[in-house]
Amino acid sequence: MHSKSSTRTRRTRALRATAIAVGVAALATGCASDVAQRGYLPGYTDGEVTNQTGRITDLWVGSWVAALAVGVITWGLMLWCVAAYRKRRDDHRLPVQTRYHMPLEIMYTIVPTLMILVLFFYTNRDMTEILDTTSEEPDVNIQVIGKQWSWDFNYLDDDVYETGQQLLEPGSVTDEDTVDGAVGTSEDLPTLYLPVGERVEFTVDSRDVIHSFWIPAFLFKMDMIPGKTNTFQVVPEREGTYAGKCAELCGEFHSGMLFNVQVVDRAEYDAQMDALRDRGQTGELGLDLNRQQHSEFSIEDTTPEVEG
C-alpha cells in the first residue's frame, strides 16, 4: 500500500510540475520577441516585410515539410528493417539473396521523379512571380552598383545618388553604432531608402567582380555579374530599418561590404532625396572600374615621395 501511495504522489507532483511549466512557457511566449514567437520562421509578427516574403516563406516551409516527411518515412523503414530482419539467436541460416526486385526498382525511380517534379512546379511558379518585371510598371527605379567593397545607389527618378565605403572592422560595431538598434546596421554605412507601399524596380550591376545584393529581411538576393544587368521588383510593406550585405565572396574586405536599408513613408523618402540633392550628389554614378573609395571617383596620387 505504501508503495502505491508513493507512486501516486510522484505522479501528482509530476503532473503539477508539467502544468506549471506549460503555463510559464505560454506566459513567456506572450511576452517574447518576434524571433521567439515565430520560432524558425523568418520575418516579423506585425506584418510581412515585402509583398513577396509570405510567398517565399510558404515555399521554404513547404520544402522543409516535404523533406521531413521523406526523412521520417526513410528512417522508419530503416528502423523497421533493423528490427524485423535482425539475426535471431537460434537462426544460423543466410538470408534470402535477392539480386533485384522489379516493383521496388520501379518505385525507386517513379517516387523520386514525382517528388522532384512537384518541387520544381512550386519553385518555378513562385520564382516566376518573384522575378516578374513586366506585368506592372514600377513606381520607383533604383540602380544598385556593387564595388569592392561597398555600394552605390542611383535613384534614377530623382537624378541623385548615394555612395559608400566599406566597413573596415565589422566586428567592432556596437549597439550604439547601429541604426535604430537594427542588428547588422551602422551609422558609418551607406543607406538605401525605399518608400513603403510602392513598387520598386532594382537594376543591379557590378563594377568589378561578382557580388550579390542581399537584404536578408526581404528573403531574396540577386547576383551582380560584371557585364550583365539583372533586375527585379519588390514592394516594401513594413516600415523599418534593415541590414543589407554582399552574399558572394568578393575579396579581402567582403565582410565589410554592408549597407543599411530604411523603408520609410513617401514624405521622408522625398526629404532624403532633397538632402542628397542639397549635398550636390546629383546625376548618376557609372560602371567604370575604380577601387578608390571617393564620391567623385577621382584617383588620387598615391606614389610615395622619395627624398634626396
Protein backbone atom coordinates (compact mmCIF):
# COMPACT_ATOMS: atom_id res chain seq x y z
CA MET A 1 0.00 0.00 0.00
CA HIS A 2 2.77 2.37 0.87
CA SER A 3 4.43 1.78 -2.49
CA LYS A 4 1.23 2.54 -4.45
CA SER A 5 0.63 5.73 -2.45
CA SER A 6 4.18 6.93 -3.11
CA THR A 7 3.75 6.24 -6.81
CA ARG A 8 0.52 8.28 -6.94
CA THR A 9 2.23 11.14 -5.09
CA ARG A 10 5.13 11.21 -7.53
CA ARG A 11 2.73 11.18 -10.48
CA THR A 12 0.69 14.02 -8.99
CA ARG A 13 3.82 16.09 -8.45
CA ALA A 14 5.00 15.39 -11.98
CA LEU A 15 1.64 16.46 -13.43
CA ARG A 16 1.68 19.67 -11.38
CA ALA A 17 5.23 20.46 -12.46
CA THR A 18 4.29 19.86 -16.08
CA ALA A 19 1.24 22.12 -15.81
CA ILE A 20 3.32 24.87 -14.22
CA ALA A 21 6.00 24.55 -16.92
CA VAL A 22 3.38 24.78 -19.67
CA GLY A 23 1.84 27.85 -18.05
CA VAL A 24 5.19 29.58 -17.69
CA ALA A 25 6.08 28.76 -21.29
CA ALA A 26 2.77 30.16 -22.53
CA LEU A 27 3.24 33.34 -20.50
CA ALA A 28 6.82 33.74 -21.71
CA THR A 29 5.73 33.23 -25.28
CA GLY A 30 3.23 36.05 -24.98
CA CYS A 31 5.98 38.41 -23.83
CA ALA A 32 8.72 37.13 -26.13
CA SER A 33 10.26 38.86 -29.10
CA ASP A 34 9.32 38.35 -32.73
CA VAL A 35 12.06 35.76 -33.10
CA ALA A 36 10.82 33.69 -30.17
CA GLN A 37 7.18 33.87 -31.26
CA ARG A 38 7.85 32.89 -34.88
CA GLY A 39 10.35 30.19 -33.97
CA TYR A 40 12.23 29.05 -37.05
CA LEU A 41 10.18 31.27 -39.37
CA PRO A 42 11.85 34.47 -40.61
CA GLY A 43 10.11 37.83 -40.52
CA TYR A 44 8.01 39.76 -38.01
CA THR A 45 4.70 39.21 -36.27
CA ASP A 46 3.32 42.62 -37.24
CA GLY A 47 3.36 42.07 -40.99
CA GLU A 48 5.35 40.87 -43.97
CA VAL A 49 8.37 42.94 -44.94
CA THR A 50 7.59 42.87 -48.67
CA ASN A 51 4.85 41.63 -50.95
CA GLN A 52 6.94 38.51 -51.65
CA THR A 53 8.18 37.43 -48.22
CA GLY A 54 4.99 35.49 -47.48
CA ARG A 55 5.29 33.58 -50.74
CA ILE A 56 8.96 32.81 -50.12
CA THR A 57 8.25 31.67 -46.56
CA ASP A 58 5.49 29.33 -47.75
CA LEU A 59 7.80 27.80 -50.35
CA TRP A 60 10.55 27.37 -47.76
CA VAL A 61 8.25 25.78 -45.19
CA GLY A 62 6.62 23.52 -47.77
CA SER A 63 10.02 22.28 -48.96
CA TRP A 64 11.07 21.50 -45.40
CA VAL A 65 7.81 19.70 -44.65
CA ALA A 66 8.24 17.55 -47.75
CA ALA A 67 11.86 16.81 -46.86
CA LEU A 68 10.90 15.94 -43.28
CA ALA A 69 8.14 13.60 -44.48
CA VAL A 70 10.61 11.80 -46.74
CA GLY A 71 13.09 11.61 -43.89
CA VAL A 72 10.55 10.17 -41.43
CA ILE A 73 9.46 7.51 -43.93
CA THR A 74 13.08 6.63 -44.77
CA TRP A 75 14.18 6.48 -41.14
CA GLY A 76 11.09 4.47 -40.24
CA LEU A 77 11.76 1.90 -42.96
CA MET A 78 15.40 1.63 -41.92
CA LEU A 79 14.50 1.02 -38.27
CA TRP A 80 11.80 -1.44 -39.29
CA CYS A 81 14.31 -3.42 -41.37
CA VAL A 82 16.78 -3.40 -38.49
CA ALA A 83 14.14 -4.79 -36.12
CA ALA A 84 12.30 -7.17 -38.45
CA TYR A 85 15.33 -8.72 -40.14
CA ARG A 86 17.79 -8.79 -37.29
CA LYS A 87 19.67 -12.03 -36.71
CA ARG A 88 17.97 -14.27 -34.18
CA ARG A 89 19.92 -16.22 -31.63
CA ASP A 90 18.94 -19.65 -32.96
CA ASP A 91 18.88 -18.69 -36.64
CA HIS A 92 22.08 -19.69 -38.41
CA ARG A 93 20.77 -19.57 -41.96
CA LEU A 94 21.81 -16.98 -44.52
CA PRO A 95 19.01 -14.60 -45.55
CA VAL A 96 17.49 -14.94 -48.99
CA GLN A 97 19.86 -13.45 -51.56
CA THR A 98 17.84 -11.21 -53.92
CA ARG A 99 19.61 -9.55 -56.84
CA TYR A 100 16.79 -7.21 -57.72
CA HIS A 101 13.10 -6.65 -57.11
CA MET A 102 11.41 -5.14 -60.14
CA PRO A 103 8.44 -3.47 -58.35
CA LEU A 104 10.83 -1.85 -55.86
CA GLU A 105 13.17 -0.73 -58.65
CA ILE A 106 10.25 0.92 -60.43
CA MET A 107 9.11 2.58 -57.21
CA TYR A 108 12.64 3.88 -56.52
CA THR A 109 12.55 5.57 -59.92
CA ILE A 110 8.99 6.88 -60.03
CA VAL A 111 8.66 8.26 -56.49
CA PRO A 112 11.81 10.47 -56.52
CA THR A 113 10.90 11.70 -60.02
CA LEU A 114 7.42 12.71 -58.85
CA MET A 115 8.89 14.45 -55.79
CA ILE A 116 11.32 16.46 -57.92
CA LEU A 117 8.57 17.42 -60.36
CA VAL A 118 6.34 18.66 -57.54
CA LEU A 119 9.18 20.73 -56.03
CA PHE A 120 10.06 22.06 -59.48
CA PHE A 121 6.45 23.09 -60.12
CA TYR A 122 6.09 25.14 -56.94
CA THR A 123 9.58 26.61 -57.16
CA ASN A 124 9.12 27.64 -60.78
CA ARG A 125 5.68 29.09 -60.05
CA ASP A 126 6.98 31.24 -57.19
CA MET A 127 10.23 32.29 -58.86
CA THR A 128 8.33 33.34 -61.98
CA GLU A 129 6.11 35.57 -59.85
CA ILE A 130 9.00 36.97 -57.83
CA LEU A 131 11.10 37.81 -60.91
CA ASP A 132 8.19 39.26 -62.90
CA THR A 133 9.26 42.72 -64.07
CA THR A 134 6.86 43.20 -66.98
CA SER A 135 3.29 42.90 -65.70
CA GLU A 136 3.33 46.12 -63.62
CA GLU A 137 5.06 49.47 -64.01
CA PRO A 138 7.37 50.38 -61.11
CA ASP A 139 6.78 53.49 -59.02
CA VAL A 140 10.48 53.90 -58.20
CA ASN A 141 13.59 52.93 -60.17
CA ILE A 142 16.87 52.39 -58.34
CA GLN A 143 20.19 51.19 -59.71
CA VAL A 144 22.42 49.37 -57.24
CA ILE A 145 26.11 49.11 -58.09
CA GLY A 146 28.37 46.69 -56.23
CA LYS A 147 32.03 47.54 -55.91
CA GLN A 148 34.97 46.30 -53.91
CA TRP A 149 33.88 46.68 -51.17
CA SER A 150 30.81 48.85 -50.82
CA TRP A 151 27.73 50.10 -52.65
CA ASP A 152 26.49 52.94 -54.82
CA PHE A 153 22.79 53.73 -55.17
CA ASN A 154 21.48 55.70 -58.14
CA TYR A 155 17.95 57.00 -57.56
CA LEU A 156 17.11 57.21 -61.26
CA ASP A 157 13.76 59.02 -60.97
CA ASP A 158 15.18 61.77 -58.77
CA ASP A 159 18.57 62.02 -60.51
CA VAL A 160 20.54 61.75 -57.26
CA TYR A 161 22.90 59.15 -55.84
CA GLU A 162 24.41 57.82 -52.63
CA THR A 163 27.90 56.32 -52.41
CA GLY A 164 29.50 54.33 -49.63
CA GLN A 165 32.73 52.97 -48.23
CA GLN A 166 33.45 49.57 -46.79
CA LEU A 167 33.34 48.97 -43.06
CA LEU A 168 36.95 48.15 -42.18
CA GLU A 169 36.18 46.39 -38.87
CA PRO A 170 32.62 44.95 -38.93
CA GLY A 171 33.22 43.17 -35.62
CA SER A 172 33.81 46.45 -33.83
CA VAL A 173 30.24 47.74 -34.35
CA THR A 174 28.47 48.21 -31.01
CA ASP A 175 24.80 48.67 -30.19
CA GLU A 176 25.39 52.42 -30.03
CA ASP A 177 26.67 52.40 -33.62
CA THR A 178 23.59 50.69 -35.10
CA VAL A 179 20.71 52.49 -36.80
CA ASP A 180 17.54 52.27 -34.71
CA GLY A 181 19.04 49.27 -32.92
CA ALA A 182 18.80 47.05 -36.02
CA VAL A 183 21.38 44.26 -35.95
CA GLY A 184 23.88 44.45 -38.81
CA THR A 185 23.48 48.18 -39.42
CA SER A 186 25.88 51.01 -38.70
CA GLU A 187 25.88 54.79 -38.90
CA ASP A 188 29.07 54.53 -40.98
CA LEU A 189 27.43 52.56 -43.78
CA PRO A 190 25.59 53.83 -46.88
CA THR A 191 21.81 53.74 -46.53
CA LEU A 192 19.33 52.66 -49.18
CA TYR A 193 15.97 54.45 -48.80
CA LEU A 194 12.77 52.82 -50.05
CA PRO A 195 9.21 54.23 -49.97
CA VAL A 196 6.75 51.94 -48.21
CA GLY A 197 3.87 50.55 -50.25
CA GLU A 198 5.39 51.47 -53.63
CA ARG A 199 6.72 49.12 -56.30
CA VAL A 200 10.49 49.46 -56.59
CA GLU A 201 12.42 48.13 -59.56
CA PHE A 202 16.05 47.35 -58.79
CA THR A 203 18.65 47.32 -61.53
CA VAL A 204 21.78 45.65 -60.17
CA ASP A 205 25.24 45.88 -61.71
CA SER A 206 28.81 45.19 -60.67
CA ARG A 207 31.73 47.50 -61.24
CA ASP A 208 34.49 44.89 -60.81
CA VAL A 209 33.90 41.30 -59.64
CA ILE A 210 30.85 39.15 -58.88
CA HIS A 211 28.82 40.42 -55.93
CA SER A 212 25.35 39.55 -54.62
CA PHE A 213 22.79 42.14 -53.49
CA TRP A 214 21.12 40.71 -50.39
CA ILE A 215 18.64 42.15 -47.90
CA PRO A 216 18.06 39.20 -45.53
CA ALA A 217 14.73 40.56 -44.27
CA PHE A 218 13.44 40.53 -47.87
CA LEU A 219 14.30 36.80 -48.14
CA PHE A 220 15.75 37.44 -51.58
CA LYS A 221 19.11 38.16 -53.18
CA MET A 222 20.26 38.88 -56.72
CA ASP A 223 23.69 38.20 -58.21
CA MET A 224 25.64 41.11 -59.66
CA ILE A 225 27.78 39.90 -62.54
CA PRO A 226 30.23 42.14 -64.43
CA GLY A 227 28.90 42.92 -67.89
CA LYS A 228 25.40 41.64 -67.10
CA THR A 229 22.47 43.67 -65.74
CA ASN A 230 19.84 41.96 -63.60
CA THR A 231 16.51 43.41 -62.50
CA PHE A 232 13.73 42.56 -60.08
CA GLN A 233 10.78 44.32 -58.47
CA VAL A 234 9.53 44.36 -54.91
CA VAL A 235 7.00 46.30 -52.83
CA PRO A 236 8.26 47.08 -49.30
CA GLU A 237 5.27 46.79 -46.97
CA ARG A 238 6.71 47.26 -43.50
CA GLU A 239 8.44 50.43 -42.37
CA GLY A 240 11.65 49.87 -40.51
CA THR A 241 15.42 49.62 -40.63
CA TYR A 242 17.07 46.51 -42.05
CA ALA A 243 20.57 45.25 -42.78
CA GLY A 244 21.97 44.58 -46.24
CA LYS A 245 25.12 42.80 -47.31
CA CYS A 246 27.01 41.11 -50.11
CA ALA A 247 26.30 37.37 -50.29
CA GLU A 248 29.15 36.47 -52.66
CA LEU A 249 32.76 36.14 -51.52
CA CYS A 250 34.33 39.02 -53.44
CA GLY A 251 37.74 39.61 -51.97
CA GLU A 252 39.69 40.67 -48.92
CA PHE A 253 37.12 43.03 -47.36
CA HIS A 254 33.98 41.11 -48.32
CA SER A 255 32.84 41.00 -44.68
CA GLY A 256 32.72 44.80 -44.59
CA MET A 257 30.58 45.14 -47.73
CA LEU A 258 27.45 46.12 -45.80
CA PHE A 259 24.68 48.70 -46.11
CA ASN A 260 21.57 49.90 -44.31
CA VAL A 261 18.02 49.79 -45.65
CA GLN A 262 15.34 52.16 -44.41
CA VAL A 263 11.74 51.68 -45.52
CA VAL A 264 10.00 54.99 -44.89
CA ASP A 265 6.88 56.87 -45.93
CA ARG A 266 6.83 58.96 -49.11
CA ALA A 267 7.39 62.27 -47.30
CA GLU A 268 10.57 61.04 -45.59
CA TYR A 269 11.76 59.45 -48.83
CA ASP A 270 11.35 62.74 -50.71
CA ALA A 271 13.14 64.58 -47.92
CA GLN A 272 16.09 62.23 -48.24
CA MET A 273 16.21 62.78 -52.00
CA ASP A 274 16.27 66.55 -51.36
CA ALA A 275 19.09 66.07 -48.83
CA LEU A 276 21.19 64.23 -51.42
CA ARG A 277 20.46 66.98 -53.94
CA ASP A 278 21.48 69.67 -51.44
CA ARG A 279 24.81 67.87 -50.91
CA GLY A 280 25.48 68.09 -54.62
CA GLN A 281 25.08 64.38 -55.22
CA THR A 282 23.17 64.77 -58.46
CA GLY A 283 23.35 62.67 -61.60
CA GLU A 284 24.34 59.00 -61.79
CA LEU A 285 27.47 57.09 -60.85
CA GLY A 286 28.75 54.93 -63.69
CA LEU A 287 30.25 51.47 -64.02
CA ASP A 288 33.83 52.49 -64.80
CA LEU A 289 36.26 50.33 -62.85
CA ASN A 290 37.66 52.28 -59.91
CA ARG A 291 38.50 50.90 -56.48
CA GLN A 292 39.12 54.32 -54.96
CA GLN A 293 36.52 54.96 -52.25
CA HIS A 294 35.58 58.52 -53.23
CA SER A 295 32.31 60.12 -54.27
CA GLU A 296 33.74 61.65 -57.46
CA PHE A 297 35.83 58.55 -58.24
CA SER A 298 38.93 60.70 -58.56
CA ILE A 299 42.15 58.70 -58.49
CA GLU A 300 44.50 60.29 -56.03
CA ASP A 301 48.25 60.23 -56.50
CA THR A 302 49.46 57.65 -54.01
CA THR A 303 53.07 57.50 -55.21
CA PRO A 304 55.36 57.88 -52.17
CA GLU A 305 57.74 60.81 -52.16
CA VAL A 306 61.41 59.96 -52.27
CA GLU A 307 63.80 62.40 -50.61
CA GLY A 308 67.32 63.05 -51.72
